Each structure stands twice: as structure tokens, then as C-alpha cells.
Amino acid sequence: MGANHNHVPAFGEIERGVFAACGCNGLGASNSTAAGIAAAERVLGHQSELGRVFSRLAEPVSLPLQPLTTIGTRIHLAYREWRAGAE
């Protein structure tokens, strides 16, 4: 699991020939799976609507320094888990 401040994955070609779909923030298994599928499609040179959606997302923003990151992340994840319910 990787976390970032604006809850978007690090997606796409991060170096020549190196593709990534990471930074899922601990929730949303379907989002992580979709990002992985879109990255795999990109590797194969396939253009899809899913890939275009992920390409339009903002760049991930780093979290603040410790201990604020740990405290804030735990509170935020607990809130999002509560909101997600039985998803």
C-alpha cells in the first residue's frame, strides 16, 4: 500500500519502459485493480477509456512529515472505511 495526499495513483510510464500503478491509499480494491489493468494496457500499447481516465488524474502529492502523516492517515483511513461500509 502506498499513500499520498490527494488519493490518486502514481500511474503510467514513470521511466522509459517502466510502468506503474501504485499509491492506492489502502482503500478501493477496484480502483487499484483498474489502475493495474490500465497500466498493463499501456505496456501493450492498447488505448482504452480506462487508460484515458487514469491519464487525466493529477500527479500524486506527498504526505506531510511524521508524526502528522501517521496520525492523519489513520484518522482519514478509518473515516473512509466507515464511509465505504460493506463495499
Protein backbone atom coordinates (compact mmCIF):
# COMPACT_ATOMS: atom_id res chain seq x y z
CA MET A 1 0.00 0.00 0.00
CA GLY A 2 1.20 3.47 -0.80
CA ALA A 3 -0.48 6.62 0.44
CA ASN A 4 -0.45 10.15 -0.87
CA HIS A 5 -2.23 13.37 -0.01
CA ASN A 6 -4.64 13.65 -2.94
CA HIS A 7 -5.65 9.95 -3.19
CA VAL A 8 -4.63 9.36 -6.80
CA PRO A 9 -2.39 6.55 -8.05
CA ALA A 10 1.06 7.06 -9.46
CA PHE A 11 0.12 5.84 -12.91
CA GLY A 12 1.75 5.48 -16.27
CA GLU A 13 5.26 5.32 -17.64
CA ILE A 14 7.41 6.61 -14.82
CA GLU A 15 10.67 5.94 -16.70
CA ARG A 16 11.30 4.76 -20.21
CA GLY A 17 9.88 1.23 -20.31
CA VAL A 18 8.88 1.26 -16.62
CA PHE A 19 5.16 1.44 -15.91
CA ALA A 20 3.45 1.83 -12.55
CA ALA A 21 0.05 1.76 -10.94
CA CYS A 22 0.66 2.33 -7.23
CA GLY A 23 -0.45 4.55 -4.37
CA CYS A 24 -3.86 3.05 -3.68
CA ASN A 25 -4.15 4.65 -0.20
CA GLY A 26 -5.38 1.41 1.38
CA LEU A 27 -8.96 1.56 0.16
CA GLY A 28 -10.71 0.86 -3.08
CA ALA A 29 -9.53 -2.52 -4.31
CA SER A 30 -11.49 -1.92 -7.50
CA ASN A 31 -9.56 1.33 -8.13
CA SER A 32 -6.24 -0.45 -7.63
CA THR A 33 -7.29 -3.27 -9.95
CA ALA A 34 -8.46 -0.80 -12.60
CA ALA A 35 -5.19 1.13 -12.39
CA GLY A 36 -3.26 -2.12 -12.83
CA ILE A 37 -5.35 -3.09 -15.86
CA ALA A 38 -4.87 0.35 -17.41
CA ALA A 39 -1.10 0.20 -16.82
CA ALA A 40 -0.94 -3.28 -18.40
CA GLU A 41 -2.89 -1.99 -21.40
CA ARG A 42 -0.43 0.89 -21.70
CA VAL A 43 2.50 -1.55 -21.69
CA LEU A 44 0.86 -3.43 -24.56
CA GLY A 45 0.22 -0.20 -26.48
CA HIS A 46 -3.56 -0.50 -26.15
CA GLN A 47 -5.55 2.72 -25.76
CA SER A 48 -8.75 2.39 -23.73
CA GLU A 49 -11.19 4.69 -21.98
CA LEU A 50 -9.92 3.32 -18.66
CA GLY A 51 -6.37 4.35 -19.55
CA ARG A 52 -7.54 7.80 -20.62
CA VAL A 53 -9.35 8.26 -17.28
CA PHE A 54 -6.21 7.41 -15.29
CA SER A 55 -4.05 9.57 -17.57
CA ARG A 56 -6.18 12.62 -16.76
CA LEU A 57 -5.69 12.30 -13.00
CA ALA A 58 -3.47 14.77 -11.19
CA GLU A 59 0.02 13.80 -10.06
CA PRO A 60 0.21 12.34 -6.53
CA VAL A 61 1.05 14.85 -3.80
CA SER A 62 3.42 13.80 -1.00
CA LEU A 63 2.20 13.47 2.56
CA PRO A 64 3.45 15.76 5.36
CA LEU A 65 6.31 14.67 7.61
CA GLN A 66 5.96 12.36 10.62
CA PRO A 67 4.18 12.20 13.07
CA LEU A 68 1.46 14.17 11.27
CA THR A 69 1.35 11.63 8.45
CA THR A 70 0.73 8.65 10.72
CA ILE A 71 -1.90 10.37 12.85
CA GLY A 72 -3.71 11.97 9.92
CA THR A 73 -3.59 8.86 7.75
CA ARG A 74 -5.04 6.63 10.46
CA ILE A 75 -7.90 9.04 11.11
CA HIS A 76 -8.59 9.51 7.40
CA LEU A 77 -8.49 5.78 6.59
CA ALA A 78 -10.81 5.00 9.49
CA TYR A 79 -13.25 7.60 8.18
CA ARG A 80 -13.08 6.25 4.63
CA GLU A 81 -13.53 2.66 5.83
CA TRP A 82 -16.58 3.76 7.81
CA ARG A 83 -17.96 5.58 4.74
CA ALA A 84 -17.32 2.62 2.45
CA GLY A 85 -19.34 0.34 4.70
CA ALA A 86 -19.67 -3.18 3.36
CA GLU A 87 -18.05 -2.41 0.00
